[in-house]
Structure formats: structure tokens, C-alpha cells
Protein backbone atom coordinates (compact mmCIF):
# COMPACT_ATOMS: atom_id res chain seq x y z
CA MET A 1 -9.62 157.12 147.41
CA ALA A 2 -9.45 157.43 143.65
CA VAL A 3 -12.54 158.21 141.55
CA LEU A 4 -12.16 157.51 137.83
CA VAL A 5 -14.58 159.07 135.31
CA PRO A 6 -14.55 158.80 131.49
CA ASP A 7 -15.07 162.52 130.82
CA ILE A 8 -14.64 165.13 133.52
CA THR A 9 -16.29 167.79 131.32
CA ASN A 10 -19.59 165.87 131.16
CA PRO A 11 -22.03 167.43 133.67
CA PHE A 12 -23.44 163.96 134.43
CA TYR A 13 -20.31 163.22 136.45
CA PHE A 14 -20.44 166.48 138.42
CA ASP A 15 -23.05 165.10 140.83
CA ILE A 16 -21.29 161.74 141.12
CA ILE A 17 -18.06 163.55 142.02
CA ARG A 18 -19.89 165.74 144.54
CA GLY A 19 -21.55 162.72 146.13
CA THR A 20 -18.33 160.71 146.43
CA GLN A 21 -16.35 163.67 147.76
CA ASN A 22 -18.84 164.58 150.46
CA GLN A 23 -19.14 160.99 151.64
CA LEU A 24 -15.38 160.41 151.60
CA LYS A 25 -14.73 163.66 153.46
CA ALA A 26 -17.17 162.63 156.18
CA ALA A 27 -15.27 159.34 156.54
CA GLY A 28 -11.89 161.08 156.75
CA TYR A 29 -10.62 160.28 153.24
CA THR A 30 -9.28 162.50 150.47
CA GLN A 31 -10.63 162.10 146.95
CA LEU A 32 -8.28 161.74 143.98
CA LEU A 33 -10.02 162.45 140.67
CA VAL A 34 -8.87 160.92 137.37
CA ASP A 35 -10.24 161.67 133.88
CA THR A 36 -9.73 158.56 131.72
CA GLU A 37 -10.86 160.31 128.51
CA GLU A 38 -13.22 157.50 127.43
CA SER A 39 -10.20 155.20 127.14
CA ALA A 40 -10.03 151.70 128.64
CA GLU A 41 -6.23 151.81 128.24
CA MET A 42 -5.91 155.03 130.28
CA GLU A 43 -8.28 153.64 132.92
CA LEU A 44 -6.29 150.44 133.30
CA ASP A 45 -3.01 152.36 133.38
CA ALA A 46 -4.32 154.65 136.14
CA LEU A 47 -5.48 151.67 138.21
CA GLN A 48 -2.08 150.02 137.94
CA LYS A 49 -0.09 153.17 138.73
CA MET A 50 -2.25 154.14 141.72
CA ARG A 51 -2.54 150.67 143.21
CA LYS A 52 -0.13 151.45 146.06
CA SER A 53 -1.08 155.08 146.62
CA ALA A 54 -4.89 154.73 146.75
CA ASP A 55 -6.82 152.81 149.42
CA GLY A 56 -9.62 151.99 146.99
CA PHE A 57 -11.22 152.91 143.67
CA ILE A 58 -14.61 153.98 142.38
CA LEU A 59 -15.00 153.47 138.63
CA ALA A 60 -17.80 155.52 137.11
CA ALA A 61 -19.06 154.07 133.81
CA SER A 62 -15.92 151.97 133.41
CA ARG A 63 -14.82 151.26 129.83
CA LEU A 64 -12.85 148.15 130.86
CA SER A 65 -13.75 144.78 129.36
CA ASP A 66 -15.39 142.17 131.60
CA GLU A 67 -12.09 140.29 131.85
CA GLN A 68 -10.09 143.40 132.73
CA LEU A 69 -12.64 144.47 135.34
CA ASP A 70 -12.71 141.03 136.95
CA ASN A 71 -8.90 141.02 137.13
CA VAL A 72 -8.57 144.41 138.80
CA SER A 73 -11.45 143.83 141.20
CA GLY A 74 -9.71 140.72 142.46
CA SER A 75 -6.54 142.60 143.39
CA GLN A 76 -7.81 145.85 144.93
CA PRO A 77 -10.91 147.24 146.66
CA LEU A 78 -13.20 148.89 144.15
CA VAL A 79 -16.82 149.69 143.35
CA THR A 80 -18.28 150.43 139.94
CA ILE A 81 -21.06 152.85 139.02
CA ASN A 82 -23.20 152.04 136.00
CA ARG A 83 -21.05 149.08 135.06
CA ALA A 84 -22.18 145.62 136.13
CA SER A 85 -19.45 143.19 137.14
CA ALA A 86 -19.39 139.57 138.21
CA ASN A 87 -17.07 140.31 141.14
CA ALA A 88 -17.03 144.02 141.99
CA PRO A 89 -19.83 145.65 144.01
CA THR A 90 -21.89 147.82 141.67
CA VAL A 91 -24.22 150.82 141.80
CA VAL A 92 -26.54 150.65 138.80
CA ILE A 93 -28.71 153.52 137.59
CA ASP A 94 -31.86 151.78 136.40
CA THR A 95 -31.93 153.02 132.83
CA PRO A 96 -33.67 149.86 131.51
CA SER A 97 -36.96 150.72 133.21
CA ALA A 98 -36.53 154.34 132.13
CA MET A 99 -36.11 153.28 128.49
CA ILE A 100 -39.48 151.55 128.77
CA GLN A 101 -40.97 154.73 130.23
CA ALA A 102 -39.54 156.74 127.33
CA LEU A 103 -40.95 154.35 124.74
CA GLU A 104 -44.36 154.35 126.45
CA HIS A 105 -44.32 158.14 126.35
CA LEU A 106 -43.48 158.23 122.64
CA VAL A 107 -46.05 155.58 121.76
CA SER A 108 -48.71 157.56 123.63
CA LEU A 109 -47.86 160.48 121.33
CA GLY A 110 -48.45 158.36 118.23
CA HIS A 111 -44.85 157.56 117.27
CA HIS A 112 -44.35 154.28 115.40
CA SER A 113 -40.78 154.77 114.11
CA VAL A 114 -38.15 155.41 116.79
CA CYS A 115 -34.37 155.74 116.53
CA TYR A 116 -31.80 154.93 119.23
CA VAL A 117 -28.79 157.24 119.05
CA SER A 118 -25.92 155.15 120.38
CA GLY A 119 -23.09 156.24 122.66
CA PRO A 120 -19.59 154.77 123.19
CA PRO A 121 -19.21 151.17 121.96
CA LYS A 122 -17.47 150.12 125.20
CA SER A 123 -20.19 151.59 127.42
CA TRP A 124 -22.06 148.94 129.40
CA SER A 125 -25.04 151.24 129.92
CA ASN A 126 -25.19 151.92 126.18
CA SER A 127 -25.42 148.17 125.48
CA MET A 128 -28.10 147.69 128.14
CA ARG A 129 -30.19 150.61 126.88
CA TRP A 130 -30.11 149.29 123.32
CA LYS A 131 -31.10 145.79 124.43
CA ILE A 132 -34.13 147.07 126.35
CA PHE A 133 -34.98 149.50 123.54
CA GLU A 134 -34.86 146.71 120.97
CA ASP A 135 -36.81 144.17 123.05
CA ASP A 136 -39.54 146.57 124.16
CA SER A 137 -39.91 148.12 120.70
CA ARG A 138 -40.35 144.65 119.18
CA GLN A 139 -43.10 143.83 121.67
CA ARG A 140 -44.88 147.06 120.77
CA GLY A 141 -44.53 146.46 117.02
CA LEU A 142 -42.47 149.60 116.48
CA GLU A 143 -40.15 150.29 113.57
CA THR A 144 -36.70 150.80 115.08
CA HIS A 145 -33.39 152.23 113.93
CA ARG A 146 -29.97 152.45 115.53
CA ILE A 147 -27.32 155.00 114.56
CA GLY A 148 -23.84 155.57 115.91
CA PRO A 149 -21.75 155.03 117.91
CA PHE A 150 -21.18 158.69 118.70
CA VAL A 151 -18.85 160.36 121.19
CA PRO A 152 -21.23 161.57 123.94
CA LYS A 153 -20.54 165.29 123.48
CA THR A 154 -22.48 168.19 121.97
CA THR A 155 -19.95 168.36 119.14
CA SER A 156 -21.19 164.97 117.90
CA GLY A 157 -24.76 166.23 117.75
CA ALA A 158 -24.64 167.51 114.17
CA ALA A 159 -23.58 164.16 112.73
CA ALA A 160 -26.12 162.35 114.91
CA ALA A 161 -28.95 164.67 113.87
CA ASP A 162 -28.15 164.27 110.18
CA ALA A 163 -28.04 160.49 110.54
CA ALA A 164 -31.33 160.47 112.48
CA VAL A 165 -33.09 162.44 109.72
CA ARG A 166 -31.96 159.90 107.13
CA THR A 167 -33.67 157.06 109.04
CA GLY A 168 -37.08 158.68 108.65
CA ALA A 169 -37.85 158.13 112.35
CA THR A 170 -40.24 160.57 114.02
CA ALA A 171 -38.60 160.27 117.45
CA CYS A 172 -35.14 159.62 118.92
CA ILE A 173 -33.97 158.31 122.27
CA VAL A 174 -30.41 159.58 122.72
CA PHE A 175 -27.57 158.06 124.77
CA ASN A 176 -27.06 161.21 126.84
CA ASP A 177 -28.18 164.82 127.18
CA LEU A 178 -25.01 166.35 125.75
CA LEU A 179 -25.48 164.49 122.49
CA ALA A 180 -29.19 165.32 122.48
CA ILE A 181 -28.52 169.04 123.01
CA GLY A 182 -26.06 168.98 120.11
CA MET A 183 -28.79 167.39 117.98
CA LEU A 184 -31.26 170.11 118.94
CA GLN A 185 -28.78 172.75 117.77
CA ARG A 186 -28.32 170.99 114.43
CA PHE A 187 -32.06 170.57 113.86
CA ARG A 188 -32.53 174.28 114.48
CA GLU A 189 -29.83 175.08 111.91
CA ARG A 190 -31.57 172.86 109.34
CA GLY A 191 -35.00 174.28 110.02
CA ILE A 192 -36.29 170.99 111.42
CA ARG A 193 -38.76 171.75 114.18
CA VAL A 194 -38.63 169.97 117.55
CA PRO A 195 -41.04 168.49 118.52
CA GLU A 196 -43.32 169.27 115.54
CA ASP A 197 -41.15 167.37 113.01
CA ILE A 198 -39.17 165.08 115.33
CA SER A 199 -39.19 164.34 119.07
CA ILE A 200 -36.03 163.96 121.18
CA VAL A 201 -35.51 162.20 124.51
CA GLY A 202 -32.18 162.54 126.32
CA CYS A 203 -30.71 160.74 129.30
CA ASP A 204 -29.18 162.03 132.59
CA ASP A 205 -31.13 165.29 133.18
CA ILE A 206 -27.90 167.27 133.43
CA PHE A 207 -27.75 170.88 134.55
CA GLY A 208 -28.96 172.93 131.59
CA ALA A 209 -31.24 170.30 130.07
CA ASP A 210 -34.23 172.48 130.97
CA PHE A 211 -32.53 175.65 129.64
CA CYS A 212 -32.07 174.56 126.01
CA HIS A 213 -34.61 175.28 123.27
CA PRO A 214 -36.91 173.50 123.50
CA PRO A 215 -36.38 172.18 127.05
CA LEU A 216 -35.23 168.57 126.86
CA THR A 217 -37.39 165.60 127.81
CA THR A 218 -34.93 163.30 129.57
CA ILE A 219 -34.38 160.39 131.94
CA ALA A 220 -33.55 161.55 135.47
CA SER A 221 -32.01 159.73 138.43
CA PRO A 222 -30.48 160.50 141.87
CA ILE A 223 -26.92 160.77 140.55
CA GLU A 224 -25.34 162.33 143.64
CA GLN A 225 -26.88 159.58 145.77
CA ALA A 226 -25.27 156.99 143.50
CA GLY A 227 -21.87 158.49 144.37
CA ARG A 228 -22.63 158.39 148.09
CA VAL A 229 -23.81 154.78 147.96
CA ALA A 230 -20.70 153.76 146.01
CA VAL A 231 -18.48 155.20 148.76
CA SER A 232 -20.44 153.34 151.46
CA MET A 233 -20.00 150.09 149.54
CA LEU A 234 -16.27 150.75 149.14
CA LEU A 235 -15.77 151.61 152.82
CA SER A 236 -17.45 148.35 153.82
CA GLN A 237 -14.58 146.52 152.09
CA LEU A 238 -11.96 148.48 154.02
CA ASN A 239 -13.32 149.01 157.51
CA PRO A 240 -15.27 146.57 159.74
CA ILE A 241 -17.21 149.56 161.12
CA TYR A 242 -19.04 149.79 157.81
CA SER A 243 -19.62 146.06 157.41
CA GLY A 244 -23.31 146.51 158.04
CA SER A 245 -23.63 148.32 154.71
CA SER A 246 -21.84 145.63 152.70
CA ARG A 247 -23.75 144.61 149.59
CA LYS A 248 -22.93 143.66 146.03
CA LEU A 249 -25.60 145.59 144.17
CA ALA A 250 -27.47 148.86 144.63
CA VAL A 251 -30.04 150.02 142.09
CA MET A 252 -30.89 153.72 141.76
CA PRO A 253 -34.43 154.49 140.54
CA THR A 254 -35.05 156.56 137.42
CA HIS A 255 -37.98 158.47 135.97
CA LEU A 256 -38.86 160.27 132.77
CA THR A 257 -39.01 164.06 133.02
CA VAL A 258 -41.26 165.31 130.21
CA ARG A 259 -40.46 168.73 128.75
CA GLY A 260 -40.87 170.47 125.41
CA SER A 261 -38.72 168.31 123.11
CA THR A 262 -41.35 165.58 122.71
CA GLY A 263 -44.75 165.96 121.07
CA PRO A 264 -47.30 164.22 118.84
CA ALA A 265 -45.93 162.36 115.83
CA PRO A 266 -46.16 164.39 112.60
CA ASP A 267 -48.50 161.92 110.92
CA ARG A 268 -50.93 162.25 113.83
CA LYS A 269 -50.97 166.02 113.47
CA SER A 270 -51.51 165.86 109.72
CA GLY A 271 -54.23 163.23 110.08
């Protein structure tokens, strides 16, 4: 079985890879791991080249277009993770409800101007997070900003932090933890205090998110379980023994883990 991920160096995918490997091993399959380097072209090329050698595919955070994904799902067994599809079975990490939790948290701290720090333009989860962010912020009467897109790595954090400061927002919700950690480093270099001057919320709760300074408030989910469920859904397409677990959609719950990177809005403290 082939597991395709956009960035093998991103700790978010470590638990997905562990979950898929353990489940595949228990079922008697070997896992083939492919890093598509955030490229839809590389992902599609890998799918085409491995069509005959792999029994099935798990696409984590696929960067394929809807049309491309529908085409490949019609010709080979596959399951997506964090990428909704009209045809392919999907495991979705419920970031929409977590975005609402994050906004509720920031509003409770007195923040009225919030910035969304965007990830890859071809990321389905990035689009969904922005939609929920925008809709919920409008209902709450918040001033909103969007910056990016940024490559979801710590090295993009400096540019993201500088852009966030220019918006005047007192809080940021960031596409992923790596980008958020890079922003924390840049704020520290500029003498901007977190959370006294600006609050930061990440997403994924990767290993190390609680080790940075300050520890990162972030959206957490059962990522390894998502990998296991994806394998079960894929096996149900291949083997009648697993037909009882056949389903088209599985939703993984999320929750906000509050740490030291979020605090009262500056105007509240000064007032």
C-alpha cells in the first residue's frame, strides 16, 4: 500500500504514517511512503507510476484538484485524509469546529481584530479553515485579516510574522504549528511579546508545540487514529472480510489545547 504525504519532514504526518503502518502491518501489507513535496504534479505522477505495483493508496492532505482526484479515485482503490472528495472515501479532521473553538477562546480574551495566516493555496483544509474563520468572525462582528499563502514550514515564519504585525491584529490563527513556531521566533527577534502584544494559535499540536517559548496554544486531534481509520476504509475496498467497516466518511474530533501563546488583548490590559 502506498501512503502519499505532502511533506515528510512535517511532524504532523509522523503520527499519520505510524497509524497507517501499524494497521497495514497487522493486515499483512507493506507500506510504501512517498513525499510529494507539496506538488500536485508529483502526486499525480506517483499515482500513475505506482498504479500496477501498489494495491491501494492513502493520500494525506492531497494537493490534487477535484477533477484530478475524481479521475484517480475511479481507477484505483484509494482513501484521502483531510481532503474531501465526491467519490473517494475520506477521513476528515474536524478543523471547522476547532476554528470556532479558537475564535471563542480569543474573543473571551478580549480580541476584536484577528488574522488568519494562510497555508498552501491548493490545500483543501486551508480553504475550509478560512471559510469557517470568515463566517464565524462575521457573526461575532470581528475585524478580520488574511495573509499568505505561506509554505507551512518554520522558515516561512519570519515573513508571516512581519505581515501579521502590519495588519494591526492582536491575535493570529495560523495554518499549522510549524509556521506558528517560526512566527514565535521572529516575534522574539523583533522584541514583540507573545502573548502580551499578540496572541498566536497554531494547528496540529505537533511534537514540540509545548516545548517552544511560550508553549503554543493549538488545535489537537487524534492524528494516528486518522491513519488507522484510513487503512480500514481502504481494506474494505479490497477484501470482503473488511466489508463491515466500509464507509465513505469518517470525522475525527478536534479540541483546542490552551497554552501560553494566547492571552488578554493588549487594549484590555491597558484599559
